[in-house]
Amino acid sequence: MGKWKKNIPDGTRDLLFKDCANKRYVEEVLKKIYIDRGFLEIITPTLEFYDVFDGENVWIDQEKMYKLFDNKGRILVLRPDITTPAARLAGTKLKDSFYPLKLCYCQNVFRTNEDLNGKRNEFTQSGTEIIGCSELRADLEVIVTAIKALLAVRVKNFKVELGHIGFFKGIMDELKLEQEEKEKIRKFIEGKNYATLKDFLQSKETVLGKENIEVINSLPALFGDISVLQRAKELTGSSVAQKALKNIEDIYYMLESMGISEYVSLDLGMVHNIDYYTGLIFRAYIEGAGDDVLYGGRYDGLVSNFGLDVPATGFAINVDRILDVLRKQNSKIGKSITPDYIIHSDTKGLARANLLLEYITAKGYRTELSLFSAEEETIEYAAKRKIKEVLFIEGTEEVYIYNLERGIRDKFSLVEEQP
């Protein structure tokens, strides 16, 4: 008993002081972007019924969910994402609401990762969902919002990669393969196992033919600028694939007209979560981050799991990865957590010290009251906290300011020398 009382579970962490302040700052910056663009914030329960995540078009494997039982024996999970609970809300409490719904959120999610490799089992998701609009402009809105969000938190050297699930599906539909075989191809491409992909395709040469094999082998290389689209159009005659390419092209030129296409590239080999996404998909990478920091796309089938057949699109940002990147880029995040002043007084002067604190904080400065009786202890504490100035209350009138760096103590006037 008590073996692990001084430890925390794998994949979790404690956040202290500056790191905590930085995280809250980034969360607030992101939320402001969403709300300023008309999104409405939601907060969903940390615990959901397992059934919420056990249906068609749900992409999270049950093995990745933390499960427990309630007092009635029903299976619960710690929410592994926010999009599915948002879909639940749309199909239940908000089913008679106005549409399209523009929702935003910022909450912790929980997923098990056996091989962590820097990943966490608990992390914060911030994102948006547009539910009830099938127009391309809804996809445009979430992509623009995602780009504006990354710009607002001042990350450097990022790219949002655009793809479309219909391009891969259109090509696969033309092939005489079993569904399991098509899924193998998808997984090889998603996992970038190109040598294994090549071997598998060669084993199916009699069924596929050399031309189809060449097309599939070329998918991982279809990334870059807008010129990639022309190469892709020449690869397949599938109407589904061609329509997908047209969607990407239209979105790209809309982004170009808004002056933000410089943050966009194309990746037509993007084939992740093919049973979940139904249209445009995208993800963002930042220089210095090994994994994507943002992902999203159209998922028209999800909300129907909850009794309402409406289209949807959205994205989620991994806030913890954003913070990791900002630290690596030496970016200044938020405000200092160090107080500007600390006020020292004897016991009789505490009421006056508190009034002085309220006056100074009303001016926008961080200030705290000393908890020490001796001046020397207050100064020592201030030095440890890197507080540069101490205010001493003496008697009924006098206030002195002491600057630790200069070692100078002067009379302080609230009128003439306002902080």
Protein backbone atom coordinates (compact mmCIF):
# COMPACT_ATOMS: atom_id res chain seq x y z
CA MET A 1 0.00 0.00 0.00
CA GLY A 2 1.18 3.51 -0.75
CA LYS A 3 3.81 2.37 -3.28
CA TRP A 4 2.82 4.98 -5.87
CA LYS A 5 1.71 7.81 -3.57
CA LYS A 6 4.58 10.10 -4.68
CA ASN A 7 4.20 9.36 -8.40
CA ILE A 8 1.77 10.19 -11.18
CA PRO A 9 0.51 7.79 -13.90
CA ASP A 10 2.44 7.32 -17.14
CA GLY A 11 1.48 9.83 -19.80
CA THR A 12 0.39 12.51 -17.32
CA ARG A 13 2.23 15.47 -15.80
CA ASP A 14 2.01 18.23 -13.23
CA LEU A 15 1.94 21.80 -14.52
CA LEU A 16 3.51 24.42 -12.28
CA PHE A 17 3.54 28.19 -12.12
CA LYS A 18 4.81 29.64 -15.44
CA ASP A 19 3.88 26.54 -17.46
CA CYS A 20 0.39 26.68 -16.03
CA ALA A 21 0.08 30.40 -16.81
CA ASN A 22 1.36 29.85 -20.35
CA LYS A 23 -1.18 27.11 -20.98
CA ARG A 24 -4.08 29.23 -19.74
CA TYR A 25 -2.87 32.11 -21.90
CA VAL A 26 -2.79 29.98 -25.08
CA GLU A 27 -6.21 28.53 -24.29
CA GLU A 28 -7.69 32.03 -23.88
CA VAL A 29 -6.09 33.29 -27.11
CA LEU A 30 -7.54 30.37 -29.04
CA LYS A 31 -10.98 30.75 -27.46
CA LYS A 32 -11.05 34.45 -28.36
CA ILE A 33 -10.37 33.63 -32.01
CA TYR A 34 -13.30 31.19 -32.06
CA ILE A 35 -15.77 33.40 -30.23
CA ASP A 36 -14.85 36.46 -32.29
CA ARG A 37 -15.76 34.41 -35.39
CA GLY A 38 -19.18 33.51 -34.01
CA PHE A 39 -18.54 30.14 -32.37
CA LEU A 40 -20.36 29.26 -29.13
CA GLU A 41 -18.48 27.53 -26.33
CA ILE A 42 -19.57 24.17 -24.91
CA ILE A 43 -18.31 22.12 -21.96
CA THR A 44 -19.04 18.39 -21.96
CA PRO A 45 -18.69 15.90 -19.08
CA THR A 46 -15.33 14.34 -18.31
CA LEU A 47 -17.20 11.02 -18.02
CA GLU A 48 -19.36 9.75 -20.88
CA PHE A 49 -21.16 6.48 -21.41
CA TYR A 50 -19.09 4.03 -23.43
CA ASP A 51 -22.02 3.74 -25.87
CA VAL A 52 -21.36 7.31 -27.06
CA PHE A 53 -18.10 6.11 -28.61
CA ASP A 54 -19.33 2.69 -29.73
CA GLY A 55 -21.00 3.09 -33.10
CA GLU A 56 -20.41 3.58 -36.80
CA ASN A 57 -18.09 6.38 -37.93
CA VAL A 58 -16.32 6.56 -34.55
CA TRP A 59 -12.57 6.41 -35.12
CA ILE A 60 -11.17 5.88 -31.62
CA ASP A 61 -10.32 2.25 -30.84
CA GLN A 62 -11.91 0.94 -27.65
CA GLU A 63 -8.44 -0.16 -26.48
CA LYS A 64 -7.41 3.49 -26.28
CA MET A 65 -10.22 4.47 -23.91
CA TYR A 66 -10.06 4.59 -20.11
CA LYS A 67 -13.07 2.61 -18.88
CA LEU A 68 -14.78 2.32 -15.50
CA PHE A 69 -18.19 1.44 -14.09
CA ASP A 70 -20.79 3.61 -12.39
CA ASN A 71 -22.81 2.50 -9.36
CA LYS A 72 -25.37 0.81 -11.64
CA GLY A 73 -22.77 -1.27 -13.45
CA ARG A 74 -22.85 0.77 -16.67
CA ILE A 75 -19.60 1.23 -18.59
CA LEU A 76 -18.23 4.77 -18.58
CA VAL A 77 -15.19 6.25 -20.32
CA LEU A 78 -13.03 9.29 -19.73
CA ARG A 79 -13.79 11.31 -22.85
CA PRO A 80 -11.20 10.44 -25.53
CA ASP A 81 -12.18 13.38 -27.72
CA ILE A 82 -14.65 16.28 -27.83
CA THR A 83 -16.03 15.96 -31.37
CA THR A 84 -18.15 12.92 -30.54
CA PRO A 85 -19.73 14.51 -27.42
CA ALA A 86 -20.41 17.61 -29.55
CA ALA A 87 -22.20 15.37 -32.05
CA ARG A 88 -24.16 13.86 -29.15
CA LEU A 89 -25.25 17.34 -28.09
CA ALA A 90 -26.31 18.19 -31.64
CA GLY A 91 -28.42 15.05 -31.91
CA THR A 92 -30.06 15.43 -28.48
CA LYS A 93 -30.21 18.69 -26.52
CA LEU A 94 -29.62 20.87 -29.60
CA LYS A 95 -31.57 18.94 -32.22
CA ASP A 96 -34.28 21.62 -32.38
CA SER A 97 -31.78 24.48 -32.25
CA PHE A 98 -30.75 26.83 -35.06
CA TYR A 99 -28.51 25.45 -37.77
CA PRO A 100 -25.75 25.48 -38.67
CA LEU A 101 -24.38 25.17 -35.14
CA LYS A 102 -20.94 26.70 -34.64
CA LEU A 103 -19.44 25.18 -31.49
CA CYS A 104 -16.06 25.59 -29.81
CA TYR A 105 -14.39 24.03 -26.79
CA CYS A 106 -11.21 23.63 -24.78
CA GLN A 107 -11.08 20.55 -22.53
CA ASN A 108 -8.81 17.71 -21.48
CA VAL A 109 -9.13 14.34 -23.21
CA PHE A 110 -7.80 10.94 -22.19
CA ARG A 111 -6.34 8.20 -24.42
CA THR A 112 -4.01 5.35 -23.56
CA ASN A 113 -0.74 5.15 -25.46
CA GLU A 114 1.25 1.99 -24.77
CA ASP A 115 4.30 3.33 -26.60
CA LEU A 116 4.26 6.94 -25.43
CA ASN A 117 7.23 8.35 -27.42
CA GLY A 118 6.60 11.79 -25.98
CA LYS A 119 2.81 11.46 -26.33
CA ARG A 120 0.55 11.91 -23.34
CA ASN A 121 -2.43 9.97 -22.07
CA GLU A 122 -4.03 13.21 -20.90
CA PHE A 123 -3.84 16.35 -23.01
CA THR A 124 -5.89 19.42 -23.87
CA GLN A 125 -7.91 19.76 -27.05
CA SER A 126 -9.08 23.13 -28.32
CA GLY A 127 -11.18 23.32 -31.45
CA THR A 128 -14.35 24.06 -33.36
CA GLU A 129 -17.20 22.17 -34.99
CA ILE A 130 -19.70 23.36 -37.61
CA ILE A 131 -22.72 21.07 -37.59
CA GLY A 132 -25.53 21.28 -40.12
CA CYS A 133 -23.85 22.75 -43.22
CA SER A 134 -22.68 20.77 -46.26
CA GLU A 135 -21.45 23.82 -48.18
CA LEU A 136 -17.78 24.12 -49.08
CA ARG A 137 -17.80 27.45 -47.25
CA ALA A 138 -18.18 25.55 -43.94
CA ASP A 139 -14.94 23.67 -44.69
CA LEU A 140 -13.36 26.98 -45.62
CA GLU A 141 -14.47 28.55 -42.33
CA VAL A 142 -12.88 25.85 -40.16
CA ILE A 143 -9.63 25.91 -42.17
CA VAL A 144 -9.43 29.72 -41.99
CA THR A 145 -10.20 29.62 -38.26
CA ALA A 146 -7.48 27.01 -37.76
CA ILE A 147 -4.91 29.16 -39.58
CA LYS A 148 -5.94 32.28 -37.67
CA ALA A 149 -5.67 30.34 -34.40
CA LEU A 150 -2.09 29.24 -35.14
CA LEU A 151 -1.16 32.78 -36.14
CA ALA A 152 -2.72 34.17 -32.95
CA VAL A 153 -0.54 32.01 -30.69
CA ARG A 154 2.49 33.13 -32.75
CA VAL A 155 3.92 29.78 -33.77
CA LYS A 156 6.53 29.99 -36.51
CA ASN A 157 6.99 27.99 -39.69
CA PHE A 158 3.74 26.04 -39.82
CA LYS A 159 1.90 24.52 -42.75
CA VAL A 160 -1.69 23.32 -43.01
CA GLU A 161 -1.76 20.34 -45.35
CA LEU A 162 -4.96 19.81 -47.34
CA GLY A 163 -6.23 16.48 -48.62
CA HIS A 164 -9.51 14.80 -49.44
CA ILE A 165 -10.66 11.36 -48.41
CA GLY A 166 -12.60 11.08 -51.69
CA PHE A 167 -9.41 11.02 -53.76
CA PHE A 168 -8.16 7.80 -52.17
CA LYS A 169 -11.66 6.28 -52.03
CA GLY A 170 -12.23 7.03 -55.71
CA ILE A 171 -9.04 5.24 -56.68
CA MET A 172 -9.76 2.28 -54.40
CA ASP A 173 -13.30 1.89 -55.74
CA GLU A 174 -11.84 1.23 -59.20
CA LEU A 175 -9.80 -1.73 -57.96
CA LYS A 176 -10.93 -5.35 -57.83
CA LEU A 177 -9.77 -5.97 -54.29
CA GLU A 178 -11.46 -7.14 -51.12
CA GLN A 179 -12.19 -4.47 -48.52
CA GLU A 180 -9.59 -5.97 -46.18
CA GLU A 181 -6.96 -5.64 -48.89
CA LYS A 182 -7.88 -2.02 -49.52
CA GLU A 183 -7.57 -1.35 -45.79
CA LYS A 184 -4.10 -2.89 -45.83
CA ILE A 185 -3.08 -0.49 -48.58
CA ARG A 186 -4.47 2.44 -46.60
CA LYS A 187 -2.56 1.45 -43.48
CA PHE A 188 0.69 1.01 -45.42
CA ILE A 189 0.33 4.50 -46.87
CA GLU A 190 -0.73 6.08 -43.57
CA GLY A 191 2.18 4.42 -41.78
CA LYS A 192 4.58 5.38 -44.59
CA ASN A 193 5.54 1.71 -45.00
CA TYR A 194 6.35 2.19 -48.65
CA ALA A 195 8.58 -0.86 -49.07
CA THR A 196 5.85 -3.09 -47.60
CA LEU A 197 3.27 -1.37 -49.81
CA LYS A 198 5.36 -2.03 -52.91
CA ASP A 199 5.76 -5.72 -52.02
CA PHE A 200 2.04 -6.11 -51.32
CA LEU A 201 1.06 -4.49 -54.62
CA GLN A 202 3.47 -6.66 -56.57
CA SER A 203 1.86 -9.74 -55.02
CA LYS A 204 -1.46 -8.51 -56.48
CA GLU A 205 -0.11 -7.61 -59.93
CA THR A 206 -2.29 -10.10 -61.78
CA VAL A 207 -5.41 -8.54 -60.25
CA LEU A 208 -4.36 -4.88 -60.31
CA GLY A 209 -2.22 -4.55 -63.39
CA LYS A 210 0.95 -2.46 -63.68
CA GLU A 211 -0.87 0.82 -64.33
CA ASN A 212 -2.92 0.67 -61.12
CA ILE A 213 0.15 -0.33 -59.13
CA GLU A 214 2.01 2.71 -60.46
CA VAL A 215 -0.91 4.95 -59.47
CA ILE A 216 -1.04 3.62 -55.89
CA ASN A 217 2.73 3.75 -55.47
CA SER A 218 2.67 7.40 -56.53
CA LEU A 219 0.16 8.47 -53.84
CA PRO A 220 2.70 9.08 -51.05
CA ALA A 221 4.64 11.42 -53.36
CA LEU A 222 1.64 13.61 -54.15
CA PHE A 223 2.42 16.47 -51.80
CA GLY A 224 3.58 20.05 -52.28
CA ASP A 225 2.09 23.17 -53.83
CA ILE A 226 -0.97 23.59 -56.05
CA SER A 227 0.86 22.05 -59.04
CA VAL A 228 0.34 18.65 -57.38
CA LEU A 229 -3.30 18.75 -58.47
CA GLN A 230 -2.49 18.56 -62.16
CA ARG A 231 -0.33 15.47 -61.62
CA ALA A 232 -3.13 13.90 -59.57
CA LYS A 233 -5.79 14.64 -62.22
CA GLU A 234 -3.78 12.70 -64.79
CA LEU A 235 -3.54 9.61 -62.58
CA THR A 236 -7.19 8.57 -62.42
CA GLY A 237 -10.41 8.86 -64.33
CA SER A 238 -12.55 8.21 -61.25
CA SER A 239 -15.34 10.80 -61.02
CA VAL A 240 -15.22 10.56 -57.20
CA ALA A 241 -11.49 11.28 -57.18
CA GLN A 242 -11.83 14.11 -59.70
CA LYS A 243 -14.58 15.74 -57.64
CA ALA A 244 -12.36 15.53 -54.56
CA LEU A 245 -9.53 17.27 -56.42
CA LYS A 246 -11.95 20.00 -57.53
CA ASN A 247 -12.96 20.57 -53.89
CA ILE A 248 -9.32 20.98 -52.87
CA GLU A 249 -8.66 23.33 -55.78
CA ASP A 250 -11.67 25.52 -54.94
CA ILE A 251 -10.68 25.73 -51.27
CA TYR A 252 -7.08 26.57 -52.13
CA TYR A 253 -8.03 29.48 -54.39
CA MET A 254 -10.48 30.78 -51.79
CA LEU A 255 -7.64 30.78 -49.26
CA GLU A 256 -5.40 32.47 -51.82
CA SER A 257 -7.99 35.23 -52.31
CA MET A 258 -7.92 35.77 -48.53
CA GLY A 259 -4.14 36.14 -48.57
CA ILE A 260 -3.38 33.08 -46.45
CA SER A 261 -2.50 30.39 -49.01
CA GLU A 262 1.17 30.77 -48.03
CA TYR A 263 0.35 28.70 -44.94
CA VAL A 264 -1.16 25.89 -47.02
CA SER A 265 0.28 22.90 -48.88
CA LEU A 266 -1.33 19.78 -50.35
CA ASP A 267 -0.95 16.14 -49.35
CA LEU A 268 -3.06 13.81 -51.47
CA GLY A 269 -1.59 10.77 -49.75
CA MET A 270 -3.40 11.73 -46.52
CA VAL A 271 -5.58 8.69 -45.83
CA HIS A 272 -6.03 8.59 -42.03
CA ASN A 273 -9.34 7.60 -40.37
CA ILE A 274 -11.02 6.81 -43.68
CA ASP A 275 -14.17 5.40 -42.04
CA TYR A 276 -14.64 8.61 -40.04
CA TYR A 277 -13.87 11.41 -42.49
CA THR A 278 -16.05 11.87 -45.57
CA GLY A 279 -14.58 14.85 -47.45
CA LEU A 280 -11.89 17.48 -47.09
CA ILE A 281 -9.28 16.67 -44.45
CA PHE A 282 -6.36 18.70 -43.15
CA ARG A 283 -3.64 18.73 -40.53
CA ALA A 284 -1.00 21.21 -39.44
CA TYR A 285 2.68 20.68 -38.79
CA ILE A 286 5.07 23.09 -37.14
CA GLU A 287 8.81 23.05 -37.53
CA GLY A 288 10.19 21.42 -34.41
CA ALA A 289 7.16 19.21 -33.75
CA GLY A 290 7.40 15.56 -34.72
CA ASP A 291 3.63 15.02 -34.89
CA ASP A 292 0.78 17.14 -36.19
CA VAL A 293 -0.44 19.83 -33.81
CA LEU A 294 -3.83 20.18 -35.45
CA TYR A 295 -6.10 17.94 -37.49
CA GLY A 296 -9.60 18.16 -38.87
CA GLY A 297 -11.97 17.63 -41.74
CA ARG A 298 -15.49 16.76 -42.79
CA TYR A 299 -17.27 13.93 -40.95
CA ASP A 300 -20.84 13.88 -42.27
CA GLY A 301 -21.82 10.48 -40.83
CA LEU A 302 -21.05 11.00 -37.14
CA VAL A 303 -24.06 12.98 -35.91
CA SER A 304 -26.47 10.40 -37.38
CA ASN A 305 -25.29 8.03 -34.61
CA PHE A 306 -27.34 10.23 -32.28
CA GLY A 307 -30.53 10.40 -34.32
CA LEU A 308 -29.91 13.51 -36.42
CA ASP A 309 -28.65 13.12 -39.98
CA VAL A 310 -26.77 16.36 -40.59
CA PRO A 311 -23.35 17.11 -42.07
CA ALA A 312 -20.44 18.36 -39.97
CA THR A 313 -16.88 19.61 -40.19
CA GLY A 314 -14.32 20.81 -37.65
CA PHE A 315 -10.81 20.66 -36.24
CA ALA A 316 -8.94 20.08 -32.97
CA ILE A 317 -5.67 21.59 -31.76
CA ASN A 318 -3.40 19.75 -29.34
CA VAL A 319 -2.65 22.62 -26.92
CA ASP A 320 0.16 20.73 -25.16
CA ARG A 321 2.05 20.22 -28.42
CA ILE A 322 1.62 23.91 -29.26
CA LEU A 323 3.22 24.80 -25.93
CA ASP A 324 6.08 22.36 -26.51
CA VAL A 325 6.77 23.99 -29.88
CA LEU A 326 6.57 27.53 -28.50
CA ARG A 327 9.14 26.60 -25.86
CA LYS A 328 11.46 25.16 -28.53
CA GLN A 329 11.03 28.31 -30.62
CA ASN A 330 11.83 30.46 -27.56
CA SER A 331 8.60 32.38 -28.08
CA LYS A 332 7.40 34.74 -25.40
CA ILE A 333 4.11 33.40 -24.07
CA GLY A 334 1.71 35.54 -22.07
CA LYS A 335 2.63 37.80 -19.18
CA SER A 336 5.17 37.37 -16.40
CA ILE A 337 3.87 35.62 -13.29
CA THR A 338 6.32 37.51 -11.08
CA PRO A 339 4.63 40.23 -8.98
CA ASP A 340 5.69 43.81 -9.66
CA TYR A 341 5.61 44.68 -5.95
CA ILE A 342 5.43 43.08 -2.52
CA ILE A 343 4.09 45.12 0.42
CA HIS A 344 5.53 44.74 3.93
CA SER A 345 3.93 46.08 7.09
CA ASP A 346 3.64 45.30 10.77
CA THR A 347 0.44 43.79 12.13
CA LYS A 348 -1.14 47.19 12.83
CA GLY A 349 -0.53 48.28 9.23
CA LEU A 350 -2.11 45.28 7.49
CA ALA A 351 -5.41 47.01 6.76
CA ARG A 352 -3.59 49.95 5.18
CA ALA A 353 -1.31 47.55 3.29
CA ASN A 354 -4.35 45.79 1.83
CA LEU A 355 -5.80 49.14 0.67
CA LEU A 356 -2.49 49.94 -0.99
CA LEU A 357 -2.50 46.53 -2.71
CA GLU A 358 -6.01 47.11 -4.07
CA TYR A 359 -4.99 50.54 -5.34
CA ILE A 360 -1.93 49.20 -7.16
CA THR A 361 -3.65 46.14 -8.63
CA ALA A 362 -6.43 48.41 -9.93
CA LYS A 363 -3.69 50.13 -11.97
CA GLY A 364 -2.92 46.78 -13.63
CA TYR A 365 0.11 45.68 -11.60
CA ARG A 366 0.64 42.35 -9.84
CA THR A 367 1.11 42.86 -6.11
CA GLU A 368 1.17 40.65 -3.05
CA LEU A 369 1.23 41.18 0.70
CA SER A 370 4.22 39.87 2.60
CA LEU A 371 3.48 37.10 5.07
CA PHE A 372 6.62 37.82 7.09
CA SER A 373 6.97 39.96 10.20
CA ALA A 374 10.64 40.82 9.68
CA GLU A 375 11.73 43.15 6.87
CA GLU A 376 14.82 41.02 6.17
CA GLU A 377 12.67 37.94 5.53
CA THR A 378 10.45 39.89 3.12
CA ILE A 379 13.50 41.10 1.19
CA GLU A 380 14.93 37.58 1.07
CA TYR A 381 11.62 36.21 -0.20
CA ALA A 382 11.39 38.99 -2.82
CA ALA A 383 14.86 38.09 -4.09
CA LYS A 384 13.87 34.41 -4.45
CA ARG A 385 10.69 35.37 -6.31
CA LYS A 386 12.65 37.91 -8.40
CA ILE A 387 10.34 40.72 -7.26
CA LYS A 388 12.28 43.90 -7.91
CA GLU A 389 10.60 46.32 -5.50
CA VAL A 390 9.32 46.14 -1.92
CA LEU A 391 6.93 48.70 -0.44
CA PHE A 392 7.32 49.26 3.29
CA ILE A 393 4.48 50.79 5.30
CA GLU A 394 5.73 52.61 8.36
CA GLY A 395 3.57 54.41 10.89
CA THR A 396 0.30 55.92 9.73
CA GLU A 397 1.50 57.92 6.72
CA GLU A 398 4.88 56.92 5.35
CA VAL A 399 5.40 54.40 2.56
CA TYR A 400 8.90 53.61 1.35
CA ILE A 401 9.92 51.82 -1.84
CA TYR A 402 13.01 49.63 -1.84
CA ASN A 403 14.60 48.55 -5.13
CA LEU A 404 16.48 45.27 -4.71
CA GLU A 405 18.68 45.71 -7.78
CA ARG A 406 19.92 49.18 -6.85
CA GLY A 407 19.73 48.72 -3.09
CA ILE A 408 18.06 52.14 -2.81
CA ARG A 409 15.24 52.98 -0.41
CA ASP A 410 13.18 56.14 -1.12
CA LYS A 411 10.06 57.71 0.22
CA PHE A 412 7.09 56.65 -1.86
CA SER A 413 4.22 59.01 -2.67
CA LEU A 414 0.98 57.54 -3.96
CA VAL A 415 0.23 60.80 -5.78
CA GLU A 416 3.63 61.79 -7.14
CA GLU A 417 5.12 58.34 -7.75
CA GLN A 418 2.30 56.14 -8.85
CA PRO A 419 3.61 52.69 -9.87
